[in-house]
Amino acid sequence: GNIFRLTSFGESHGQAVGGIIDGCPPGIEMD
């Protein structure tokens, strides 16, 4: 991504997988 960016991490047989979302606009209702 450029402004809305995802950085992912983790492996299938590691402890966890996940990510960091940067550039997400504020005020979004998180359903």
PDB file of all heavy atoms in Angstrom:
ATOM      1  N   GLY A   1       0.796  -1.217   0.000  1.00  0.00           N
ATOM      2  CA  GLY A   1       0.000   0.000   0.000  1.00  0.00           C
ATOM      3  C   GLY A   1       0.828   1.266   0.000  1.00  0.00           C
ATOM      4  O   GLY A   1       2.045   1.247   0.250  1.00  0.00           O
ATOM      5  N   ASN A   2       0.173   2.399  -0.266  1.00  0.00           N
ATOM      6  CA  ASN A   2       0.820   3.710  -0.313  1.00  0.00           C
ATOM      7  C   ASN A   2       0.485   4.537   0.919  1.00  0.00           C
ATOM      8  O   ASN A   2       1.365   4.886   1.697  1.00  0.00           O
ATOM      9  CB  ASN A   2       0.373   4.459  -1.581  1.00  0.00           C
ATOM     10  CG  ASN A   2       0.771   3.747  -2.846  1.00  0.00           C
ATOM     11  OD1 ASN A   2       1.923   3.789  -3.255  1.00  0.00           O
ATOM     12  ND2 ASN A   2      -0.183   3.079  -3.492  1.00  0.00           N
ATOM     13  N   ILE A   3      -0.793   4.852   1.112  1.00  0.00           N
ATOM     14  CA  ILE A   3      -1.243   5.576   2.307  1.00  0.00           C
ATOM     15  C   ILE A   3      -1.830   4.587   3.312  1.00  0.00           C
ATOM     16  O   ILE A   3      -1.401   4.532   4.464  1.00  0.00           O
ATOM     17  CB  ILE A   3      -2.284   6.653   1.942  1.00  0.00           C
ATOM     18  CG1 ILE A   3      -1.622   7.743   1.090  1.00  0.00           C
ATOM     19  CG2 ILE A   3      -2.890   7.262   3.209  1.00  0.00           C
ATOM     20  CD1 ILE A   3      -2.558   8.851   0.662  1.00  0.00           C
ATOM     21  N   PHE A   4      -2.802   3.794   2.872  1.00  0.00           N
ATOM     22  CA  PHE A   4      -3.325   2.709   3.713  1.00  0.00           C
ATOM     23  C   PHE A   4      -2.381   1.534   3.519  1.00  0.00           C
ATOM     24  O   PHE A   4      -2.378   0.884   2.465  1.00  0.00           O
ATOM     25  CB  PHE A   4      -4.753   2.347   3.286  1.00  0.00           C
ATOM     26  CG  PHE A   4      -5.408   1.325   4.182  1.00  0.00           C
ATOM     27  CD1 PHE A   4      -6.114   1.708   5.307  1.00  0.00           C
ATOM     28  CD2 PHE A   4      -5.315  -0.030   3.891  1.00  0.00           C
ATOM     29  CE1 PHE A   4      -6.728   0.763   6.130  1.00  0.00           C
ATOM     30  CE2 PHE A   4      -5.920  -0.982   4.700  1.00  0.00           C
ATOM     31  CZ  PHE A   4      -6.621  -0.582   5.827  1.00  0.00           C
ATOM     32  N   ARG A   5      -1.552   1.263   4.525  1.00  0.00           N
ATOM     33  CA  ARG A   5      -0.476   0.283   4.371  1.00  0.00           C
ATOM     34  C   ARG A   5      -0.610  -0.854   5.378  1.00  0.00           C
ATOM     35  O   ARG A   5      -0.945  -0.623   6.541  1.00  0.00           O
ATOM     36  CB  ARG A   5       0.894   0.945   4.564  1.00  0.00           C
ATOM     37  CG  ARG A   5       1.214   2.016   3.544  1.00  0.00           C
ATOM     38  CD  ARG A   5       2.637   2.551   3.707  1.00  0.00           C
ATOM     39  NE  ARG A   5       2.859   3.096   5.033  1.00  0.00           N
ATOM     40  CZ  ARG A   5       2.514   4.325   5.406  1.00  0.00           C
ATOM     41  NH1 ARG A   5       1.907   5.119   4.545  1.00  0.00           N
ATOM     42  NH2 ARG A   5       2.767   4.760   6.618  1.00  0.00           N
ATOM     43  N   LEU A   6      -0.320  -2.048   4.898  1.00  0.00           N
ATOM     44  CA  LEU A   6      -0.279  -3.221   5.771  1.00  0.00           C
ATOM     45  C   LEU A   6       1.130  -3.804   5.755  1.00  0.00           C
ATOM     46  O   LEU A   6       1.692  -4.052   4.688  1.00  0.00           O
ATOM     47  CB  LEU A   6      -1.261  -4.289   5.280  1.00  0.00           C
ATOM     48  CG  LEU A   6      -1.074  -5.689   5.910  1.00  0.00           C
ATOM     49  CD1 LEU A   6      -1.455  -5.664   7.386  1.00  0.00           C
ATOM     50  CD2 LEU A   6      -1.871  -6.737   5.154  1.00  0.00           C
ATOM     51  N   THR A   7       1.682  -4.022   6.935  1.00  0.00           N
ATOM     52  CA  THR A   7       2.911  -4.802   7.082  1.00  0.00           C
ATOM     53  C   THR A   7       2.529  -6.076   7.823  1.00  0.00           C
ATOM     54  O   THR A   7       1.988  -6.019   8.930  1.00  0.00           O
ATOM     55  CB  THR A   7       3.982  -4.037   7.876  1.00  0.00           C
ATOM     56  OG1 THR A   7       4.306  -2.828   7.188  1.00  0.00           O
ATOM     57  CG2 THR A   7       5.244  -4.885   8.035  1.00  0.00           C
ATOM     58  N   SER A   8       2.787  -7.221   7.196  1.00  0.00           N
ATOM     59  CA  SER A   8       2.421  -8.490   7.827  1.00  0.00           C
ATOM     60  C   SER A   8       3.658  -9.164   8.413  1.00  0.00           C
ATOM     61  O   SER A   8       4.783  -8.904   7.996  1.00  0.00           O
ATOM     62  CB  SER A   8       1.738  -9.420   6.821  1.00  0.00           C
ATOM     63  OG  SER A   8       2.659  -9.918   5.877  1.00  0.00           O
ATOM     64  N   PHE A   9       3.419 -10.067   9.384  1.00  0.00           N
ATOM     65  CA  PHE A   9       4.528 -10.803   9.988  1.00  0.00           C
ATOM     66  C   PHE A   9       4.058 -12.199  10.360  1.00  0.00           C
ATOM     67  O   PHE A   9       2.855 -12.470  10.454  1.00  0.00           O
ATOM     68  CB  PHE A   9       5.087 -10.079  11.222  1.00  0.00           C
ATOM     69  CG  PHE A   9       4.122 -10.002  12.384  1.00  0.00           C
ATOM     70  CD1 PHE A   9       3.964 -11.065  13.277  1.00  0.00           C
ATOM     71  CD2 PHE A   9       3.362  -8.858  12.596  1.00  0.00           C
ATOM     72  CE1 PHE A   9       3.082 -10.997  14.344  1.00  0.00           C
ATOM     73  CE2 PHE A   9       2.465  -8.783  13.667  1.00  0.00           C
ATOM     74  CZ  PHE A   9       2.335  -9.852  14.538  1.00  0.00           C
ATOM     75  N   GLY A  10       5.001 -13.082  10.604  1.00  0.00           N
ATOM     76  CA  GLY A  10       4.693 -14.408  11.123  1.00  0.00           C
ATOM     77  C   GLY A  10       4.794 -15.512  10.088  1.00  0.00           C
ATOM     78  O   GLY A  10       4.785 -15.274   8.880  1.00  0.00           O
ATOM     79  N   GLU A  11       4.914 -16.753  10.594  1.00  0.00           N
ATOM     80  CA  GLU A  11       4.990 -17.947   9.768  1.00  0.00           C
ATOM     81  C   GLU A  11       3.900 -18.926  10.192  1.00  0.00           C
ATOM     82  O   GLU A  11       3.392 -18.861  11.309  1.00  0.00           O
ATOM     83  CB  GLU A  11       6.361 -18.625   9.907  1.00  0.00           C
ATOM     84  CG  GLU A  11       7.539 -17.759   9.498  1.00  0.00           C
ATOM     85  CD  GLU A  11       7.997 -16.841  10.620  1.00  0.00           C
ATOM     86  OE1 GLU A  11       7.955 -17.257  11.795  1.00  0.00           O
ATOM     87  OE2 GLU A  11       8.362 -15.685  10.314  1.00  0.00           O
ATOM     88  N   SER A  12       3.601 -19.876   9.316  1.00  0.00           N
ATOM     89  CA  SER A  12       2.501 -20.796   9.582  1.00  0.00           C
ATOM     90  C   SER A  12       2.743 -21.674  10.798  1.00  0.00           C
ATOM     91  O   SER A  12       1.799 -22.092  11.462  1.00  0.00           O
ATOM     92  CB  SER A  12       2.241 -21.665   8.354  1.00  0.00           C
ATOM     93  OG  SER A  12       3.368 -22.461   8.063  1.00  0.00           O
ATOM     94  N   HIS A  13       4.009 -21.970  11.108  1.00  0.00           N
ATOM     95  CA  HIS A  13       4.305 -22.824  12.256  1.00  0.00           C
ATOM     96  C   HIS A  13       5.051 -22.060  13.350  1.00  0.00           C
ATOM     97  O   HIS A  13       5.691 -22.658  14.206  1.00  0.00           O
ATOM     98  CB  HIS A  13       5.080 -24.063  11.811  1.00  0.00           C
ATOM     99  CG  HIS A  13       4.204 -25.084  11.147  1.00  0.00           C
ATOM    100  ND1 HIS A  13       3.963 -26.325  11.673  1.00  0.00           N
ATOM    101  CD2 HIS A  13       3.480 -25.017  10.017  1.00  0.00           C
ATOM    102  CE1 HIS A  13       3.140 -26.989  10.873  1.00  0.00           C
ATOM    103  NE2 HIS A  13       2.838 -26.206   9.862  1.00  0.00           N
ATOM    104  N   GLY A  14       4.945 -20.737  13.327  1.00  0.00           N
ATOM    105  CA  GLY A  14       5.467 -19.919  14.409  1.00  0.00           C
ATOM    106  C   GLY A  14       4.404 -19.725  15.475  1.00  0.00           C
ATOM    107  O   GLY A  14       3.342 -20.356  15.451  1.00  0.00           O
ATOM    108  N   GLN A  15       4.661 -18.812  16.407  1.00  0.00           N
ATOM    109  CA  GLN A  15       3.719 -18.594  17.503  1.00  0.00           C
ATOM    110  C   GLN A  15       2.446 -17.897  17.039  1.00  0.00           C
ATOM    111  O   GLN A  15       1.347 -18.201  17.527  1.00  0.00           O
ATOM    112  CB  GLN A  15       4.377 -17.765  18.613  1.00  0.00           C
ATOM    113  CG  GLN A  15       3.474 -17.565  19.832  1.00  0.00           C
ATOM    114  CD  GLN A  15       4.214 -16.881  20.978  1.00  0.00           C
ATOM    115  OE1 GLN A  15       5.447 -16.846  21.014  1.00  0.00           O
ATOM    116  NE2 GLN A  15       3.465 -16.327  21.919  1.00  0.00           N
ATOM    117  N   ALA A  16       2.591 -16.969  16.090  1.00  0.00           N
ATOM    118  CA  ALA A  16       1.426 -16.210  15.642  1.00  0.00           C
ATOM    119  C   ALA A  16       1.717 -15.586  14.285  1.00  0.00           C
ATOM    120  O   ALA A  16       2.862 -15.491  13.849  1.00  0.00           O
ATOM    121  CB  ALA A  16       1.078 -15.115  16.657  1.00  0.00           C
ATOM    122  N   VAL A  17       0.653 -15.151  13.626  1.00  0.00           N
ATOM    123  CA  VAL A  17       0.769 -14.301  12.442  1.00  0.00           C
ATOM    124  C   VAL A  17      -0.008 -13.032  12.740  1.00  0.00           C
ATOM    125  O   VAL A  17      -0.906 -13.016  13.602  1.00  0.00           O
ATOM    126  CB  VAL A  17       0.221 -14.987  11.175  1.00  0.00           C
ATOM    127  CG1 VAL A  17       1.073 -16.178  10.797  1.00  0.00           C
ATOM    128  CG2 VAL A  17      -1.231 -15.405  11.353  1.00  0.00           C
ATOM    129  N   GLY A  18       0.331 -11.964  12.055  1.00  0.00           N
ATOM    130  CA  GLY A  18      -0.357 -10.712  12.328  1.00  0.00           C
ATOM    131  C   GLY A  18       0.124  -9.607  11.441  1.00  0.00           C
ATOM    132  O   GLY A  18       0.743  -9.848  10.395  1.00  0.00           O
ATOM    133  N   GLY A  19      -0.163  -8.368  11.862  1.00  0.00           N
ATOM    134  CA  GLY A  19       0.225  -7.247  11.028  1.00  0.00           C
ATOM    135  C   GLY A  19       0.090  -5.920  11.727  1.00  0.00           C
ATOM    136  O   GLY A  19      -0.411  -5.825  12.857  1.00  0.00           O
ATOM    137  N   ILE A  20       0.544  -4.899  11.034  1.00  0.00           N
ATOM    138  CA  ILE A  20       0.394  -3.506  11.466  1.00  0.00           C
ATOM    139  C   ILE A  20      -0.228  -2.736  10.306  1.00  0.00           C
ATOM    140  O   ILE A  20       0.295  -2.746   9.191  1.00  0.00           O
ATOM    141  CB  ILE A  20       1.732  -2.877  11.859  1.00  0.00           C
ATOM    142  CG1 ILE A  20       2.353  -3.628  13.047  1.00  0.00           C
ATOM    143  CG2 ILE A  20       1.551  -1.397  12.192  1.00  0.00           C
ATOM    144  CD1 ILE A  20       3.743  -3.167  13.402  1.00  0.00           C
ATOM    145  N   ILE A  21      -1.371  -2.105  10.560  1.00  0.00           N
ATOM    146  CA  ILE A  21      -2.032  -1.260   9.573  1.00  0.00           C
ATOM    147  C   ILE A  21      -1.659   0.180   9.881  1.00  0.00           C
ATOM    148  O   ILE A  21      -1.935   0.690  10.971  1.00  0.00           O
ATOM    149  CB  ILE A  21      -3.566  -1.420   9.636  1.00  0.00           C
ATOM    150  CG1 ILE A  21      -3.972  -2.880   9.463  1.00  0.00           C
ATOM    151  CG2 ILE A  21      -4.230  -0.543   8.575  1.00  0.00           C
ATOM    152  CD1 ILE A  21      -5.431  -3.143   9.796  1.00  0.00           C
ATOM    153  N   ASP A  22      -1.018   0.840   8.936  1.00  0.00           N
ATOM    154  CA  ASP A  22      -0.639   2.243   9.113  1.00  0.00           C
ATOM    155  C   ASP A  22      -1.405   3.085   8.089  1.00  0.00           C
ATOM    156  O   ASP A  22      -1.767   2.599   7.012  1.00  0.00           O
ATOM    157  CB  ASP A  22       0.864   2.417   8.914  1.00  0.00           C
ATOM    158  CG  ASP A  22       1.389   3.663   9.590  1.00  0.00           C
ATOM    159  OD1 ASP A  22       0.591   4.380  10.228  1.00  0.00           O
ATOM    160  OD2 ASP A  22       2.607   3.933   9.484  1.00  0.00           O
ATOM    161  N   GLY A  23      -1.669   4.328   8.436  1.00  0.00           N
ATOM    162  CA  GLY A  23      -2.367   5.221   7.519  1.00  0.00           C
ATOM    163  C   GLY A  23      -3.870   5.044   7.515  1.00  0.00           C
ATOM    164  O   GLY A  23      -4.560   5.574   6.637  1.00  0.00           O
ATOM    165  N   CYS A  24      -4.396   4.315   8.483  1.00  0.00           N
ATOM    166  CA  CYS A  24      -5.848   4.111   8.554  1.00  0.00           C
ATOM    167  C   CYS A  24      -6.509   5.392   9.075  1.00  0.00           C
ATOM    168  O   CYS A  24      -6.099   5.912  10.115  1.00  0.00           O
ATOM    169  CB  CYS A  24      -6.179   2.937   9.464  1.00  0.00           C
ATOM    170  SG  CYS A  24      -7.945   2.580   9.580  1.00  0.00           S
ATOM    171  N   PRO A  25      -7.514   5.897   8.411  1.00  0.00           N
ATOM    172  CA  PRO A  25      -8.177   7.112   8.881  1.00  0.00           C
ATOM    173  C   PRO A  25      -8.773   6.921  10.278  1.00  0.00           C
ATOM    174  O   PRO A  25      -9.217   5.818  10.621  1.00  0.00           O
ATOM    175  CB  PRO A  25      -9.287   7.336   7.846  1.00  0.00           C
ATOM    176  CG  PRO A  25      -8.820   6.614   6.621  1.00  0.00           C
ATOM    177  CD  PRO A  25      -8.073   5.419   7.136  1.00  0.00           C
ATOM    178  N   PRO A  26      -8.807   7.959  11.070  1.00  0.00           N
ATOM    179  CA  PRO A  26      -9.423   7.856  12.399  1.00  0.00           C
ATOM    180  C   PRO A  26     -10.938   7.875  12.321  1.00  0.00           C
ATOM    181  O   PRO A  26     -11.520   8.293  11.322  1.00  0.00           O
ATOM    182  CB  PRO A  26      -8.898   9.109  13.113  1.00  0.00           C
ATOM    183  CG  PRO A  26      -8.698  10.102  12.006  1.00  0.00           C
ATOM    184  CD  PRO A  26      -8.232   9.293  10.830  1.00  0.00           C
ATOM    185  N   GLY A  27     -11.564   7.387  13.395  1.00  0.00           N
ATOM    186  CA  GLY A  27     -13.007   7.501  13.519  1.00  0.00           C
ATOM    187  C   GLY A  27     -13.814   6.389  12.896  1.00  0.00           C
ATOM    188  O   GLY A  27     -15.046   6.464  12.872  1.00  0.00           O
ATOM    189  N   ILE A  28     -13.164   5.333  12.388  1.00  0.00           N
ATOM    190  CA  ILE A  28     -13.909   4.217  11.812  1.00  0.00           C
ATOM    191  C   ILE A  28     -14.467   3.362  12.936  1.00  0.00           C
ATOM    192  O   ILE A  28     -13.740   2.939  13.831  1.00  0.00           O
ATOM    193  CB  ILE A  28     -13.006   3.348  10.911  1.00  0.00           C
ATOM    194  CG1 ILE A  28     -12.429   4.174   9.761  1.00  0.00           C
ATOM    195  CG2 ILE A  28     -13.777   2.148  10.367  1.00  0.00           C
ATOM    196  CD1 ILE A  28     -11.428   3.409   8.919  1.00  0.00           C
ATOM    197  N   GLU A  29     -15.759   3.102  12.901  1.00  0.00           N
ATOM    198  CA  GLU A  29     -16.388   2.207  13.880  1.00  0.00           C
ATOM    199  C   GLU A  29     -15.890   0.788  13.632  1.00  0.00           C
ATOM    200  O   GLU A  29     -16.116   0.225  12.562  1.00  0.00           O
ATOM    201  CB  GLU A  29     -17.910   2.255  13.743  1.00  0.00           C
ATOM    202  CG  GLU A  29     -18.541   3.568  14.135  1.00  0.00           C
ATOM    203  CD  GLU A  29     -18.770   3.696  15.640  1.00  0.00           C
ATOM    204  OE1 GLU A  29     -18.483   2.709  16.352  1.00  0.00           O
ATOM    205  OE2 GLU A  29     -19.229   4.769  16.076  1.00  0.00           O
ATOM    206  N   MET A  30     -15.210   0.214  14.604  1.00  0.00           N
ATOM    207  CA  MET A  30     -14.623  -1.117  14.442  1.00  0.00           C
ATOM    208  C   MET A  30     -15.643  -2.188  14.806  1.00  0.00           C
ATOM    209  O   MET A  30     -15.870  -2.493  15.977  1.00  0.00           O
ATOM    210  CB  MET A  30     -13.367  -1.240  15.301  1.00  0.00           C
ATOM    211  CG  MET A  30     -12.210  -0.392  14.782  1.00  0.00           C
ATOM    212  SD  MET A  30     -11.538  -1.010  13.230  1.00  0.00           S
ATOM    213  CE  MET A  30     -10.492  -2.319  13.845  1.00  0.00           C
ATOM    214  N   ASP A  31     -16.274  -2.739  13.803  1.00  0.00           N
ATOM    215  CA  ASP A  31     -17.249  -3.812  13.986  1.00  0.00           C
ATOM    216  C   ASP A  31     -16.480  -5.122  14.138  1.00  0.00           C
ATOM    217  O   ASP A  31     -16.138  -5.786  13.162  1.00  0.00           O
ATOM    218  CB  ASP A  31     -18.180  -3.859  12.772  1.00  0.00           C
ATOM    219  CG  ASP A  31     -19.299  -4.876  12.919  1.00  0.00           C
ATOM    220  OD1 ASP A  31     -19.168  -5.784  13.758  1.00  0.00           O
ATOM    221  OD2 ASP A  31     -20.296  -4.775  12.184  1.00  0.00           O
TER     222      ASP A  31
END
